[in-house]
C-alpha atoms as a PDB file:
ATOM      1  CA  MET A   1      74.495 -76.022 124.945  1.00  0.00           C
ATOM      2  CA  PRO A   2      77.817 -77.666 124.552  1.00  0.00           C
ATOM      3  CA  ASP A   3      80.225 -76.379 127.130  1.00  0.00           C
ATOM      4  CA  SER A   4      82.839 -75.999 124.540  1.00  0.00           C
ATOM      5  CA  LEU A   5      81.124 -73.165 122.864  1.00  0.00           C
ATOM      6  CA  ILE A   6      80.729 -71.185 126.381  1.00  0.00           C
ATOM      7  CA  PRO A   7      84.190 -69.974 126.727  1.00  0.00           C
ATOM      8  CA  GLN A   8      84.257 -68.690 123.091  1.00  0.00           C
ATOM      9  CA  THR A   9      81.105 -66.910 123.411  1.00  0.00           C
ATOM     10  CA  THR A  10      82.686 -63.437 123.629  1.00  0.00           C
ATOM     11  CA  GLU A  11      85.034 -64.065 120.312  1.00  0.00           C
ATOM     12  CA  PHE A  12      81.750 -65.196 118.409  1.00  0.00           C
ATOM     13  CA  GLN A  13      79.744 -62.115 119.513  1.00  0.00           C
ATOM     14  CA  ARG A  14      82.774 -59.830 118.088  1.00  0.00           C
ATOM     15  CA  GLU A  15      83.469 -61.883 115.123  1.00  0.00           C
ATOM     16  CA  LEU A  16      79.625 -61.825 114.252  1.00  0.00           C
ATOM     17  CA  LEU A  17      79.079 -58.134 114.882  1.00  0.00           C
ATOM     18  CA  GLY A  18      82.204 -57.002 113.088  1.00  0.00           C
ATOM     19  CA  TRP A  19      81.214 -58.856 110.199  1.00  0.00           C
ATOM     20  CA  TYR A  20      77.856 -57.378 110.378  1.00  0.00           C
ATOM     21  CA  ARG A  21      78.881 -53.851 110.555  1.00  0.00           C
ATOM     22  CA  HIS A  22      81.087 -54.372 107.729  1.00  0.00           C
ATOM     23  CA  HIS A  23      78.822 -56.432 105.130  1.00  0.00           C
ATOM     24  CA  ARG A  24      75.134 -55.756 106.374  1.00  0.00           C
ATOM     25  CA  ARG A  25      72.745 -55.027 103.507  1.00  0.00           C
ATOM     26  CA  SER A  26      71.456 -51.294 103.007  1.00  0.00           C
ATOM     27  CA  LEU A  27      67.942 -51.513 104.205  1.00  0.00           C
ATOM     28  CA  PRO A  28      65.421 -48.691 104.753  1.00  0.00           C
ATOM     29  CA  TRP A  29      64.877 -50.074 108.605  1.00  0.00           C
ATOM     30  CA  ARG A  30      68.289 -49.905 108.945  1.00  0.00           C
ATOM     31  CA  ASP A  31      69.722 -46.788 107.263  1.00  0.00           C
ATOM     32  CA  ALA A  32      67.471 -44.710 109.033  1.00  0.00           C
ATOM     33  CA  PRO A  33      65.723 -46.815 111.692  1.00  0.00           C
ATOM     34  CA  SER A  34      62.656 -45.958 113.719  1.00  0.00           C
ATOM     35  CA  LEU A  35      60.261 -47.824 115.971  1.00  0.00           C
ATOM     36  CA  TYR A  36      57.964 -47.531 113.300  1.00  0.00           C
ATOM     37  CA  LYS A  37      59.807 -48.797 110.419  1.00  0.00           C
ATOM     38  CA  THR A  38      61.093 -51.662 112.850  1.00  0.00           C
ATOM     39  CA  VAL A  39      57.722 -52.776 113.736  1.00  0.00           C
ATOM     40  CA  VAL A  40      56.272 -52.516 109.942  1.00  0.00           C
ATOM     41  CA  SER A  41      59.254 -54.214 108.659  1.00  0.00           C
ATOM     42  CA  GLU A  42      58.992 -57.056 110.953  1.00  0.00           C
ATOM     43  CA  PHE A  43      55.089 -57.565 110.310  1.00  0.00           C
ATOM     44  CA  MET A  44      56.093 -57.586 106.563  1.00  0.00           C
ATOM     45  CA  LEU A  45      58.896 -59.949 106.840  1.00  0.00           C
ATOM     46  CA  GLN A  46      57.225 -63.000 108.338  1.00  0.00           C
ATOM     47  CA  GLN A  47      56.953 -65.350 105.781  1.00  0.00           C
ATOM     48  CA  THR A  48      58.131 -62.995 103.057  1.00  0.00           C
ATOM     49  CA  GLN A  49      61.487 -62.504 101.357  1.00  0.00           C
ATOM     50  CA  VAL A  50      63.132 -59.228 101.696  1.00  0.00           C
ATOM     51  CA  LYS A  51      63.386 -58.563  98.275  1.00  0.00           C
ATOM     52  CA  THR A  52      59.612 -58.801  97.859  1.00  0.00           C
ATOM     53  CA  VAL A  53      58.853 -56.516 101.010  1.00  0.00           C
ATOM     54  CA  LEU A  54      61.264 -53.616  99.804  1.00  0.00           C
ATOM     55  CA  PRO A  55      58.972 -52.031  97.132  1.00  0.00           C
ATOM     56  CA  TYR A  56      55.912 -52.785  99.376  1.00  0.00           C
ATOM     57  CA  LEU A  57      57.308 -51.144 102.419  1.00  0.00           C
ATOM     58  CA  ALA A  58      58.371 -47.855 100.223  1.00  0.00           C
ATOM     59  CA  ARG A  59      54.748 -47.436  99.154  1.00  0.00           C
ATOM     60  CA  TRP A  60      53.327 -48.164 102.567  1.00  0.00           C
ATOM     61  CA  LEU A  61      56.101 -45.387 104.407  1.00  0.00           C
ATOM     62  CA  GLU A  62      54.535 -43.013 101.937  1.00  0.00           C
ATOM     63  CA  ILE A  63      50.728 -43.845 102.440  1.00  0.00           C
ATOM     64  CA  PHE A  64      51.138 -44.516 105.978  1.00  0.00           C
ATOM     65  CA  PRO A  65      53.838 -42.564 107.308  1.00  0.00           C
ATOM     66  CA  ASP A  66      53.432 -43.137 111.089  1.00  0.00           C
ATOM     67  CA  PHE A  67      51.233 -45.197 113.491  1.00  0.00           C
ATOM     68  CA  ALA A  68      48.896 -42.138 113.740  1.00  0.00           C
ATOM     69  CA  ALA A  69      48.414 -42.179 110.056  1.00  0.00           C
ATOM     70  CA  LEU A  70      48.102 -46.044 109.968  1.00  0.00           C
ATOM     71  CA  ALA A  71      45.439 -46.038 113.173  1.00  0.00           C
ATOM     72  CA  ALA A  72      43.400 -43.367 111.340  1.00  0.00           C
ATOM     73  CA  ALA A  73      43.088 -45.591 107.981  1.00  0.00           C
ATOM     74  CA  SER A  74      40.084 -47.777 107.261  1.00  0.00           C
ATOM     75  CA  GLU A  75      40.824 -51.615 107.292  1.00  0.00           C
ATOM     76  CA  GLU A  76      39.686 -51.579 103.968  1.00  0.00           C
ATOM     77  CA  GLN A  77      42.683 -48.754 103.004  1.00  0.00           C
ATOM     78  CA  VAL A  78      45.052 -51.009 105.045  1.00  0.00           C
ATOM     79  CA  VAL A  79      44.476 -54.321 103.218  1.00  0.00           C
ATOM     80  CA  LYS A  80      44.380 -52.652  99.949  1.00  0.00           C
ATOM     81  CA  ASN A  81      48.070 -51.401 100.511  1.00  0.00           C
ATOM     82  CA  TRP A  82      49.025 -54.911 101.765  1.00  0.00           C
ATOM     83  CA  GLU A  83      47.626 -56.547  98.526  1.00  0.00           C
ATOM     84  CA  GLY A  84      50.261 -58.815  96.970  1.00  0.00           C
ATOM     85  CA  LEU A  85      52.110 -59.578 100.207  1.00  0.00           C
ATOM     86  CA  GLY A  86      49.582 -62.600 101.218  1.00  0.00           C
ATOM     87  CA  TYR A  87      49.003 -63.554 104.920  1.00  0.00           C
ATOM     88  CA  TYR A  88      46.416 -60.759 105.060  1.00  0.00           C
ATOM     89  CA  THR A  89      46.179 -61.370 108.912  1.00  0.00           C
ATOM     90  CA  ARG A  90      49.197 -59.671 109.249  1.00  0.00           C
ATOM     91  CA  ALA A  91      48.024 -56.473 108.050  1.00  0.00           C
ATOM     92  CA  ARG A  92      44.895 -56.625 110.185  1.00  0.00           C
ATOM     93  CA  ASN A  93      46.962 -57.168 112.907  1.00  0.00           C
ATOM     94  CA  LEU A  94      49.266 -54.277 112.349  1.00  0.00           C
ATOM     95  CA  HIS A  95      46.406 -51.877 111.838  1.00  0.00           C
ATOM     96  CA  LYS A  96      44.854 -53.104 115.300  1.00  0.00           C
ATOM     97  CA  LEU A  97      48.647 -52.629 116.849  1.00  0.00           C
ATOM     98  CA  ALA A  98      48.965 -49.051 115.554  1.00  0.00           C
ATOM     99  CA  ARG A  99      45.239 -47.969 117.050  1.00  0.00           C
ATOM    100  CA  ALA A 100      46.496 -49.814 120.073  1.00  0.00           C
ATOM    101  CA  LEU A 101      49.882 -47.976 120.332  1.00  0.00           C
ATOM    102  CA  VAL A 102      48.699 -44.392 119.615  1.00  0.00           C
ATOM    103  CA  ALA A 103      45.983 -44.792 122.602  1.00  0.00           C
ATOM    104  CA  LEU A 104      49.061 -45.410 124.797  1.00  0.00           C
ATOM    105  CA  PRO A 105      51.128 -42.371 126.485  1.00  0.00           C
ATOM    106  CA  SER A 106      54.021 -43.681 124.930  1.00  0.00           C
ATOM    107  CA  PRO A 107      55.212 -46.903 123.086  1.00  0.00           C
ATOM    108  CA  PRO A 108      56.179 -49.663 125.950  1.00  0.00           C
ATOM    109  CA  ARG A 109      59.706 -50.518 126.115  1.00  0.00           C
ATOM    110  CA  THR A 110      59.682 -54.063 127.700  1.00  0.00           C
ATOM    111  CA  ARG A 111      59.216 -57.508 125.900  1.00  0.00           C
ATOM    112  CA  GLU A 112      56.633 -58.543 128.280  1.00  0.00           C
ATOM    113  CA  ALA A 113      54.434 -55.302 127.623  1.00  0.00           C
ATOM    114  CA  TRP A 114      54.462 -55.762 123.731  1.00  0.00           C
ATOM    115  CA  LEU A 115      53.701 -59.282 124.083  1.00  0.00           C
ATOM    116  CA  GLU A 116      50.342 -58.302 125.226  1.00  0.00           C
ATOM    117  CA  LEU A 117      49.501 -55.930 122.217  1.00  0.00           C
ATOM    118  CA  PRO A 118      47.807 -57.250 119.112  1.00  0.00           C
ATOM    119  CA  GLY A 119      49.676 -59.287 116.627  1.00  0.00           C
ATOM    120  CA  ILE A 120      53.101 -59.711 118.835  1.00  0.00           C
ATOM    121  CA  GLY A 121      54.735 -62.720 119.620  1.00  0.00           C
ATOM    122  CA  PRO A 122      57.982 -63.774 121.011  1.00  0.00           C
ATOM    123  CA  TYR A 123      60.094 -63.521 118.221  1.00  0.00           C
ATOM    124  CA  THR A 124      58.037 -59.963 117.227  1.00  0.00           C
ATOM    125  CA  SER A 125      58.453 -58.967 120.445  1.00  0.00           C
ATOM    126  CA  ALA A 126      62.175 -59.670 121.146  1.00  0.00           C
ATOM    127  CA  ALA A 127      63.151 -58.190 117.617  1.00  0.00           C
ATOM    128  CA  ILE A 128      61.214 -55.024 117.983  1.00  0.00           C
ATOM    129  CA  THR A 129      62.638 -54.202 121.582  1.00  0.00           C
ATOM    130  CA  SER A 130      66.103 -55.362 121.120  1.00  0.00           C
ATOM    131  CA  ILE A 131      66.496 -53.278 118.149  1.00  0.00           C
ATOM    132  CA  SER A 132      64.460 -50.159 119.171  1.00  0.00           C
ATOM    133  CA  PHE A 133      65.245 -50.288 123.075  1.00  0.00           C
ATOM    134  CA  GLY A 134      68.245 -51.960 123.529  1.00  0.00           C
ATOM    135  CA  THR A 135      66.156 -54.980 125.297  1.00  0.00           C
ATOM    136  CA  PRO A 136      68.584 -57.869 125.958  1.00  0.00           C
ATOM    137  CA  ALA A 137      66.145 -60.455 124.188  1.00  0.00           C
ATOM    138  CA  ALA A 138      67.247 -62.951 121.842  1.00  0.00           C
ATOM    139  CA  VAL A 139      65.380 -63.743 118.734  1.00  0.00           C
ATOM    140  CA  VAL A 140      65.101 -67.197 117.026  1.00  0.00           C
ATOM    141  CA  ASP A 141      63.619 -67.443 113.665  1.00  0.00           C
ATOM    142  CA  GLY A 142      64.179 -70.009 111.071  1.00  0.00           C
ATOM    143  CA  ASN A 143      67.690 -68.545 110.069  1.00  0.00           C
ATOM    144  CA  VAL A 144      68.703 -68.616 113.949  1.00  0.00           C
ATOM    145  CA  VAL A 145      67.375 -71.947 114.127  1.00  0.00           C
ATOM    146  CA  ARG A 146      69.569 -73.250 111.199  1.00  0.00           C
ATOM    147  CA  ILE A 147      72.767 -71.236 112.677  1.00  0.00           C
ATOM    148  CA  LEU A 148      72.396 -72.196 116.100  1.00  0.00           C
ATOM    149  CA  THR A 149      71.762 -76.192 115.360  1.00  0.00           C
ATOM    150  CA  ARG A 150      75.108 -75.842 112.993  1.00  0.00           C
ATOM    151  CA  LEU A 151      77.038 -74.334 115.388  1.00  0.00           C
ATOM    152  CA  THR A 152      76.598 -76.879 118.037  1.00  0.00           C
ATOM    153  CA  ALA A 153      75.911 -80.021 115.618  1.00  0.00           C
ATOM    154  CA  ASP A 154      72.570 -80.576 117.197  1.00  0.00           C
ATOM    155  CA  GLY A 155      71.126 -83.745 115.518  1.00  0.00           C
ATOM    156  CA  THR A 156      67.875 -82.868 117.597  1.00  0.00           C
ATOM    157  CA  ALA A 157      64.556 -84.316 115.186  1.00  0.00           C
ATOM    158  CA  PHE A 158      62.338 -81.460 115.711  1.00  0.00           C
ATOM    159  CA  ARG A 159      58.806 -81.488 114.954  1.00  0.00           C
ATOM    160  CA  ASP A 160      59.010 -78.139 113.253  1.00  0.00           C
ATOM    161  CA  SER A 161      60.479 -74.611 113.277  1.00  0.00           C
ATOM    162  CA  ALA A 162      58.363 -73.528 115.764  1.00  0.00           C
ATOM    163  CA  ALA A 163      59.432 -76.658 118.389  1.00  0.00           C
ATOM    164  CA  ALA A 164      63.247 -75.851 117.288  1.00  0.00           C
ATOM    165  CA  SER A 165      62.713 -72.251 118.218  1.00  0.00           C
ATOM    166  CA  LYS A 166      61.680 -73.058 121.470  1.00  0.00           C
ATOM    167  CA  ALA A 167      64.088 -75.598 122.315  1.00  0.00           C
ATOM    168  CA  LEU A 168      66.857 -73.278 121.330  1.00  0.00           C
ATOM    169  CA  ALA A 169      66.054 -70.453 122.981  1.00  0.00           C
ATOM    170  CA  PRO A 170      67.997 -70.664 125.556  1.00  0.00           C
ATOM    171  CA  LEU A 171      71.270 -71.048 123.529  1.00  0.00           C
ATOM    172  CA  ALA A 172      70.458 -67.713 121.900  1.00  0.00           C
ATOM    173  CA  ASP A 173      69.997 -66.061 125.153  1.00  0.00           C
ATOM    174  CA  ALA A 174      73.303 -67.544 126.067  1.00  0.00           C
ATOM    175  CA  LEU A 175      75.234 -66.271 123.018  1.00  0.00           C
ATOM    176  CA  LEU A 176      73.383 -62.840 122.978  1.00  0.00           C
ATOM    177  CA  ASN A 177      75.639 -59.915 123.223  1.00  0.00           C
ATOM    178  CA  ARG A 178      73.805 -57.769 125.854  1.00  0.00           C
ATOM    179  CA  ALA A 179      75.646 -54.697 125.442  1.00  0.00           C
ATOM    180  CA  GLU A 180      74.474 -54.481 121.718  1.00  0.00           C
ATOM    181  CA  PRO A 181      71.534 -56.977 121.419  1.00  0.00           C
ATOM    182  CA  GLY A 182      69.906 -55.360 118.478  1.00  0.00           C
ATOM    183  CA  ASP A 183      72.641 -55.380 116.337  1.00  0.00           C
ATOM    184  CA  HIS A 184      73.430 -59.134 117.508  1.00  0.00           C
ATOM    185  CA  ASN A 185      70.050 -60.338 116.588  1.00  0.00           C
ATOM    186  CA  GLN A 186      70.083 -58.315 113.163  1.00  0.00           C
ATOM    187  CA  ALA A 187      73.611 -59.787 112.654  1.00  0.00           C
ATOM    188  CA  MET A 188      72.250 -63.204 113.473  1.00  0.00           C
ATOM    189  CA  MET A 189      69.437 -63.151 111.062  1.00  0.00           C
ATOM    190  CA  GLU A 190      71.712 -61.088 108.382  1.00  0.00           C
ATOM    191  CA  LEU A 191      74.159 -64.219 108.642  1.00  0.00           C
ATOM    192  CA  GLY A 192      71.022 -66.878 107.791  1.00  0.00           C
ATOM    193  CA  ALA A 193      69.974 -64.923 105.153  1.00  0.00           C
ATOM    194  CA  THR A 194      73.366 -64.273 103.264  1.00  0.00           C
ATOM    195  CA  VAL A 195      75.823 -66.807 104.437  1.00  0.00           C
ATOM    196  CA  CYS A 196      74.362 -69.787 106.396  1.00  0.00           C
ATOM    197  CA  HIS A 197      71.991 -70.673 103.640  1.00  0.00           C
ATOM    198  CA  ARG A 198      69.783 -73.791 104.094  1.00  0.00           C
ATOM    199  CA  ARG A 199      71.382 -75.281 101.057  1.00  0.00           C
ATOM    200  CA  THR A 200      74.830 -74.777  99.912  1.00  0.00           C
ATOM    201  CA  PRO A 201      75.889 -72.414 102.815  1.00  0.00           C
ATOM    202  CA  LEU A 202      78.871 -70.075 102.027  1.00  0.00           C
ATOM    203  CA  CYS A 203      81.117 -71.574 104.803  1.00  0.00           C
ATOM    204  CA  THR A 204      84.341 -70.316 103.429  1.00  0.00           C
ATOM    205  CA  VAL A 205      83.254 -66.636 104.063  1.00  0.00           C
ATOM    206  CA  CYS A 206      81.348 -67.060 107.434  1.00  0.00           C
ATOM    207  CA  PRO A 207      82.816 -65.281 110.180  1.00  0.00           C
ATOM    208  CA  VAL A 208      82.057 -67.594 112.864  1.00  0.00           C
ATOM    209  CA  ARG A 209      83.225 -70.902 110.951  1.00  0.00           C
ATOM    210  CA  PRO A 210      85.773 -71.368 113.534  1.00  0.00           C
ATOM    211  CA  TYR A 211      82.874 -72.076 116.235  1.00  0.00           C
ATOM    212  CA  CYS A 212      80.881 -74.097 113.888  1.00  0.00           C
ATOM    213  CA  ALA A 213      80.764 -77.776 114.734  1.00  0.00           C
ATOM    214  CA  ALA A 214      78.895 -78.871 111.745  1.00  0.00           C
ATOM    215  CA  SER A 215      81.354 -76.956 109.460  1.00  0.00           C
ATOM    216  CA  ARG A 216      84.443 -78.779 111.018  1.00  0.00           C
ATOM    217  CA  ARG A 217      82.537 -81.896 110.197  1.00  0.00           C
ATOM    218  CA  GLY A 218      82.072 -80.955 106.897  1.00  0.00           C
ATOM    219  CA  GLU A 219      78.115 -81.632 107.217  1.00  0.00           C
ATOM    220  CA  PRO A 220      76.224 -78.060 107.532  1.00  0.00           C
ATOM    221  CA  GLU A 221      73.623 -78.933 105.542  1.00  0.00           C
ATOM    222  CA  LEU A 222      72.244 -81.895 107.485  1.00  0.00           C
ATOM    223  CA  TYR A 223      71.221 -79.293 110.113  1.00  0.00           C
ATOM    224  CA  PRO A 224      68.600 -78.259 111.300  1.00  0.00           C
ATOM    225  CA  ARG A 225      66.724 -82.078 111.289  1.00  0.00           C
ATOM    226  CA  LEU A 226      63.343 -80.649 110.805  1.00  0.00           C
ATOM    227  CA  ALA A 227      60.188 -83.425 110.161  1.00  0.00           C
ATOM    228  CA  PRO A 228      59.121 -83.241 106.428  1.00  0.00           C
ATOM    229  CA  LYS A 229      56.107 -81.200 105.983  1.00  0.00           C
ATOM    230  CA  LEU A 230      53.021 -82.993 105.188  1.00  0.00           C
ATOM    231  CA  ILE A 231      51.811 -81.583 101.919  1.00  0.00           C
ATOM    232  CA  GLU A 232      48.091 -82.045 101.004  1.00  0.00           C
ATOM    233  CA  GLN A 233      47.057 -81.333  97.280  1.00  0.00           C
ATOM    234  CA  LEU A 234      44.319 -79.550  96.300  1.00  0.00           C
ATOM    235  CA  ALA A 235      42.483 -78.862  93.309  1.00  0.00           C
ATOM    236  CA  VAL A 236      40.173 -75.959  92.645  1.00  0.00           C
ATOM    237  CA  THR A 237      38.240 -75.162  89.734  1.00  0.00           C
ATOM    238  CA  ARG A 238      37.556 -71.773  88.785  1.00  0.00           C
ATOM    239  CA  LEU A 239      35.225 -69.797  86.738  1.00  0.00           C
ATOM    240  CA  TRP A 240      35.971 -66.863  84.344  1.00  0.00           C
ATOM    241  CA  CYS A 241      32.710 -65.115  83.338  1.00  0.00           C
ATOM    242  CA  ARG A 242      32.573 -61.746  81.677  1.00  0.00           C
ATOM    243  CA  HIS A 243      29.369 -60.064  80.646  1.00  0.00           C
ATOM    244  CA  GLN A 244      28.838 -56.451  79.746  1.00  0.00           C
ATOM    245  CA  GLY A 245      32.027 -55.290  80.675  1.00  0.00           C
ATOM    246  CA  LYS A 246      32.000 -56.738  83.928  1.00  0.00           C
ATOM    247  CA  LEU A 247      33.831 -59.550  85.681  1.00  0.00           C
ATOM    248  CA  LEU A 248      32.171 -62.223  87.815  1.00  0.00           C
ATOM    249  CA  LEU A 249      34.098 -62.266  91.387  1.00  0.00           C
ATOM    250  CA  HIS A 250      33.533 -63.934  94.677  1.00  0.00           C
ATOM    251  CA  ARG A 251      34.131 -61.785  97.902  1.00  0.00           C
ATOM    252  CA  THR A 252      34.977 -63.443 101.137  1.00  0.00           C
ATOM    253  CA  ALA A 253      32.770 -62.660 104.135  1.00  0.00           C
ATOM    254  CA  GLY A 254      34.012 -60.080 106.115  1.00  0.00           C
ATOM    255  CA  ASP A 255      34.049 -62.464 109.402  1.00  0.00           C
ATOM    256  CA  ALA A 256      36.546 -65.224 107.294  1.00  0.00           C
ATOM    257  CA  ARG A 257      39.485 -66.642 108.838  1.00  0.00           C
ATOM    258  CA  ARG A 258      41.483 -65.848 105.767  1.00  0.00           C
ATOM    259  CA  LEU A 259      40.896 -63.681 102.992  1.00  0.00           C
ATOM    260  CA  ALA A 260      38.127 -61.648 104.538  1.00  0.00           C
ATOM    261  CA  ASN A 261      36.688 -59.104 102.277  1.00  0.00           C
ATOM    262  CA  LEU A 262      39.112 -60.016  99.592  1.00  0.00           C
ATOM    263  CA  HIS A 263      37.981 -60.660  95.811  1.00  0.00           C
ATOM    264  CA  GLU A 264      38.819 -63.713  93.783  1.00  0.00           C
ATOM    265  CA  LEU A 265      37.859 -65.531  90.755  1.00  0.00           C
ATOM    266  CA  PRO A 266      34.686 -67.842  92.072  1.00  0.00           C
ATOM    267  CA  ALA A 267      35.093 -71.429  92.504  1.00  0.00           C
ATOM    268  CA  LEU A 268      32.445 -74.103  91.597  1.00  0.00           C
ATOM    269  CA  GLU A 269      31.190 -74.187  95.306  1.00  0.00           C
ATOM    270  CA  HIS A 270      30.578 -70.458  95.392  1.00  0.00           C
ATOM    271  CA  ALA A 271      28.478 -70.493  92.543  1.00  0.00           C
ATOM    272  CA  GLY A 272      26.792 -73.705  93.674  1.00  0.00           C
ATOM    273  CA  LEU A 273      27.715 -75.734  90.644  1.00  0.00           C
ATOM    274  CA  GLY A 274      29.069 -79.608  90.981  1.00  0.00           C
ATOM    275  CA  GLU A 275      32.405 -80.988  90.218  1.00  0.00           C
ATOM    276  CA  SER A 276      31.256 -82.531  86.610  1.00  0.00           C
ATOM    277  CA  PHE A 277      29.832 -79.321  85.391  1.00  0.00           C
ATOM    278  CA  PHE A 278      33.006 -78.816  83.158  1.00  0.00           C
ATOM    279  CA  ALA A 279      33.529 -82.334  82.581  1.00  0.00           C
ATOM    280  CA  GLY A 280      35.126 -82.642  78.875  1.00  0.00           C
ATOM    281  CA  ASP A 281      36.177 -79.014  78.621  1.00  0.00           C
ATOM    282  CA  THR A 282      39.400 -77.676  78.747  1.00  0.00           C
ATOM    283  CA  PRO A 283      40.584 -74.690  80.878  1.00  0.00           C
ATOM    284  CA  ILE A 284      41.787 -71.535  79.681  1.00  0.00           C
ATOM    285  CA  ALA A 285      44.434 -71.541  82.118  1.00  0.00           C
ATOM    286  CA  THR A 286      45.956 -73.872  84.917  1.00  0.00           C
ATOM    287  CA  LYS A 287      47.756 -72.252  87.992  1.00  0.00           C
ATOM    288  CA  LYS A 288      49.707 -74.000  90.604  1.00  0.00           C
ATOM    289  CA  ARG A 289      50.392 -72.150  93.910  1.00  0.00           C
ATOM    290  CA  GLY A 290      51.267 -73.101  97.602  1.00  0.00           C
ATOM    291  CA  ILE A 291      49.714 -72.099 100.870  1.00  0.00           C
ATOM    292  CA  THR A 292      51.077 -73.232 104.028  1.00  0.00           C
ATOM    293  CA  ARG A 293      50.799 -76.929 103.937  1.00  0.00           C
ATOM    294  CA  PHE A 294      48.802 -76.974 100.727  1.00  0.00           C
ATOM    295  CA  ALA A 295      50.005 -77.525  97.243  1.00  0.00           C
ATOM    296  CA  ILE A 296      47.095 -75.997  95.252  1.00  0.00           C
ATOM    297  CA  THR A 297      46.044 -76.600  91.240  1.00  0.00           C
ATOM    298  CA  GLU A 298      43.658 -73.999  90.249  1.00  0.00           C
ATOM    299  CA  SER A 299      41.892 -74.835  86.663  1.00  0.00           C
ATOM    300  CA  ILE A 300      40.287 -71.632  85.139  1.00  0.00           C
ATOM    301  CA  TYR A 301      36.995 -72.540  82.897  1.00  0.00           C
ATOM    302  CA  ALA A 302      35.351 -69.736  80.657  1.00  0.00           C
ATOM    303  CA  ILE A 303      31.826 -69.493  80.762  1.00  0.00           C
ATOM    304  CA  GLN A 304      29.230 -67.248  79.342  1.00  0.00           C
ATOM    305  CA  ALA A 305      26.713 -65.713  81.519  1.00  0.00           C
ATOM    306  CA  ALA A 306      23.952 -66.840  79.628  1.00  0.00           C
ATOM    307  CA  LYS A 307      24.947 -70.485  80.540  1.00  0.00           C
ATOM    308  CA  LEU A 308      25.335 -70.097  84.298  1.00  0.00           C
ATOM    309  CA  PRO A 309      22.114 -71.586  85.813  1.00  0.00           C
ATOM    310  CA  ARG A 310      19.420 -69.475  86.924  1.00  0.00           C
ATOM    311  CA  GLY A 311      20.115 -67.731  90.056  1.00  0.00           C
ATOM    312  CA  THR A 312      23.690 -68.234  90.115  1.00  0.00           C
ATOM    313  CA  ALA A 313      25.060 -64.874  89.809  1.00  0.00           C
ATOM    314  CA  ASP A 314      22.732 -63.820  93.032  1.00  0.00           C
ATOM    315  CA  ARG A 315      24.493 -66.440  95.361  1.00  0.00           C
ATOM    316  CA  PRO A 316      26.253 -64.866  98.487  1.00  0.00           C
ATOM    317  CA  GLY A 317      29.566 -63.228  97.957  1.00  0.00           C
ATOM    318  CA  LEU A 318      29.287 -63.289  94.260  1.00  0.00           C
ATOM    319  CA  VAL A 319      29.766 -59.795  92.375  1.00  0.00           C
ATOM    320  CA  TRP A 320      29.908 -58.232  89.508  1.00  0.00           C
ATOM    321  CA  VAL A 321      32.871 -55.990  88.875  1.00  0.00           C
ATOM    322  CA  THR A 322      32.936 -53.688  86.089  1.00  0.00           C
ATOM    323  CA  LEU A 323      36.570 -53.719  84.482  1.00  0.00           C
ATOM    324  CA  THR A 324      37.363 -50.206  85.296  1.00  0.00           C
ATOM    325  CA  GLU A 325      36.664 -50.724  89.251  1.00  0.00           C
ATOM    326  CA  LEU A 326      39.240 -53.870  89.225  1.00  0.00           C
ATOM    327  CA  GLU A 327      42.202 -51.732  89.931  1.00  0.00           C
ATOM    328  CA  ALA A 328      40.046 -50.295  93.289  1.00  0.00           C
ATOM    329  CA  ILE A 329      38.825 -53.420  94.759  1.00  0.00           C
ATOM    330  CA  THR A 330      41.390 -55.870  96.885  1.00  0.00           C
ATOM    331  CA  LEU A 331      42.007 -59.034  94.944  1.00  0.00           C
ATOM    332  CA  SER A 332      44.184 -61.414  96.332  1.00  0.00           C
ATOM    333  CA  GLY A 333      47.517 -61.241  94.668  1.00  0.00           C
ATOM    334  CA  PRO A 334      47.727 -64.551  92.823  1.00  0.00           C
ATOM    335  CA  HIS A 335      44.282 -63.850  91.160  1.00  0.00           C
ATOM    336  CA  ARG A 336      45.192 -60.062  90.636  1.00  0.00           C
ATOM    337  CA  ARG A 337      47.909 -61.496  88.429  1.00  0.00           C
ATOM    338  CA  TRP A 338      45.851 -64.145  86.849  1.00  0.00           C
ATOM    339  CA  VAL A 339      42.914 -61.530  85.903  1.00  0.00           C
ATOM    340  CA  THR A 340      45.461 -59.370  84.562  1.00  0.00           C
ATOM    341  CA  GLU A 341      47.036 -62.302  82.394  1.00  0.00           C
ATOM    342  CA  LEU A 342      43.579 -63.351  81.139  1.00  0.00           C
ATOM    343  CA  LEU A 343      42.234 -59.918  80.080  1.00  0.00           C
ATOM    344  CA  ALA A 344      45.536 -59.015  78.257  1.00  0.00           C
ATOM    345  CA  SER A 345      45.129 -62.386  76.195  1.00  0.00           C
ATOM    346  CA  GLU A 346      41.421 -61.991  75.292  1.00  0.00           C
ATOM    347  CA  PRO A 347      41.249 -60.273  71.810  1.00  0.00           C
END
């Protein structure tokens, strides 16, 4: 950390905290805080924006109001109520965490103890313990990385955000307001989310602009320097097959690493079909989405059940689901939207 910032740490903390308490957004885990709300919101906010999380969190708190209720639920119930948020491992880990916590005499209060629990990593442990227990642990997420590299005009070329977070942890710790670590951490994240944007940061209204080397140089958008993600293009062909009030879907195996027990429209390989099966045909829909490092184009082709090769519908994972049951099963978020759209477009 540059020596020039160290003497100004107290002033930085004061300006940041004053701004946060005056300008922070009204959010349910802040307005009526509890350990449970903090934990659930932190899990939901991993790789998901606040505006997306809010309606999910409101519904979640009605269905699973505390750790005991969540622990008592089945995994199927938990995943169903996570539907649409994606990255379903988060839901399963949150479920495991609830069961681990209710088995304890009381929730642990140290960062080290939380790191031993399911689904808890360095960032989450720091966020939960600083906010709920006042533990002096600094958080470093993408927002904080952006702020720290701009404060110091750190031109290090980091491999990725995880590498940057690890390298910048000492600086985050040095700047932490140990008297009020929870509010300090939330203030840093709030600053990154609402002012210190990745593009076109709002430097003129930034409360810590006097301490920002990148702003003084007039080049905040140069930081942080992260290696560009290598995006891999994928093409997937999907089937749209309706028969006697049922829709053909594929249910992922329960031991799958991703999307376990979730339903999607079948891909060619699920039906044992080759890439040339729909050669010359026109898809009824083409959808694009991104998952981690993949940019995926999904082409959906309609096919009559009678034209499926013999035995196709009996292949492992393929299931006929009545249209009236669609709401009850768990579909991956994009496929829920696509199925709803395609059903609505049919005569």
